[in-house]
Amino acid sequence: MNQKHIYTVESYPQVKEVLVDGVKIKNAYYADTKKGLVRHFDDPPKVHKHGKDVISRTVHGCVEVVLND
């Protein structure tokens, strides 16, 4: 992924925080500033009752990614 509007944990480890409509999102692992969506895990993480998958959620809005200097 060489797209500058997509931020993942693997491609941008220097991400300081992710904001959606001005609200900080904890445990974000994917952010797309063009589409306006952020995927994140709950805090504390929850496991699906019928499997071993961690539940993730998607938030839509105006996404801003703040990088470390």
Protein backbone atom coordinates (compact mmCIF):
# COMPACT_ATOMS: atom_id res chain seq x y z
CA MET A 1 0.00 0.00 0.00
CA ASN A 2 1.73 3.13 -1.21
CA GLN A 3 -1.34 5.31 -0.85
CA LYS A 4 -0.76 8.38 1.31
CA HIS A 5 -4.31 8.53 2.62
CA ILE A 6 -4.27 5.02 4.15
CA TYR A 7 -2.54 4.51 7.50
CA THR A 8 -1.95 1.07 9.02
CA VAL A 9 0.08 -0.10 11.99
CA GLU A 10 2.59 -1.82 9.71
CA SER A 11 3.11 0.98 7.20
CA TYR A 12 3.11 3.99 9.58
CA PRO A 13 4.46 3.09 13.04
CA GLN A 14 5.07 6.80 13.73
CA VAL A 15 1.33 7.60 14.04
CA LYS A 16 0.80 9.47 17.29
CA GLU A 17 -3.00 9.63 17.38
CA VAL A 18 -6.07 9.23 15.19
CA LEU A 19 -8.97 11.69 15.45
CA VAL A 20 -12.49 11.25 14.09
CA ASP A 21 -14.52 14.46 14.18
CA GLY A 22 -12.03 15.76 16.76
CA VAL A 23 -12.40 12.76 19.11
CA LYS A 24 -9.30 10.64 19.81
CA ILE A 25 -9.72 6.95 18.91
CA LYS A 26 -7.76 4.42 20.97
CA ASN A 27 -6.42 1.14 19.55
CA ALA A 28 -6.81 2.20 15.89
CA TYR A 29 -5.14 -0.18 13.45
CA TYR A 30 -6.45 1.21 10.11
CA ALA A 31 -7.34 4.73 9.04
CA ASP A 32 -8.45 6.00 5.62
CA THR A 33 -8.60 9.79 5.45
CA LYS A 34 -10.11 9.79 1.94
CA LYS A 35 -13.08 7.53 2.77
CA GLY A 36 -13.37 8.87 6.31
CA LEU A 37 -13.21 5.61 8.24
CA VAL A 38 -11.20 4.18 11.12
CA ARG A 39 -11.11 0.58 12.31
CA HIS A 40 -10.22 -0.01 15.95
CA PHE A 41 -10.41 -2.51 18.79
CA ASP A 42 -12.44 -1.93 21.94
CA ASP A 43 -10.68 -0.87 25.12
CA PRO A 44 -10.34 -3.39 26.76
CA PRO A 45 -10.38 -5.79 23.80
CA LYS A 46 -13.32 -8.20 23.60
CA VAL A 47 -13.34 -11.68 22.08
CA HIS A 48 -16.26 -12.96 20.00
CA LYS A 49 -18.30 -15.52 21.96
CA HIS A 50 -18.27 -18.14 19.16
CA GLY A 51 -14.65 -17.89 18.19
CA LYS A 52 -11.25 -16.57 18.99
CA ASP A 53 -11.53 -13.37 16.96
CA VAL A 54 -11.10 -10.00 18.61
CA ILE A 55 -14.08 -7.72 17.99
CA SER A 56 -13.26 -4.61 15.97
CA ARG A 57 -15.42 -1.61 15.20
CA THR A 58 -15.56 0.92 12.35
CA VAL A 59 -16.09 4.63 12.93
CA HIS A 60 -17.02 7.04 10.12
CA GLY A 61 -16.41 10.79 10.00
CA CYS A 62 -13.75 13.39 9.29
CA VAL A 63 -10.47 11.52 9.92
CA GLU A 64 -7.25 13.26 10.93
CA VAL A 65 -3.99 11.39 11.54
CA VAL A 66 -1.31 13.05 13.69
CA LEU A 67 2.26 11.81 13.12
CA ASN A 68 5.22 12.04 15.51
CA ASP A 69 7.78 14.68 14.54
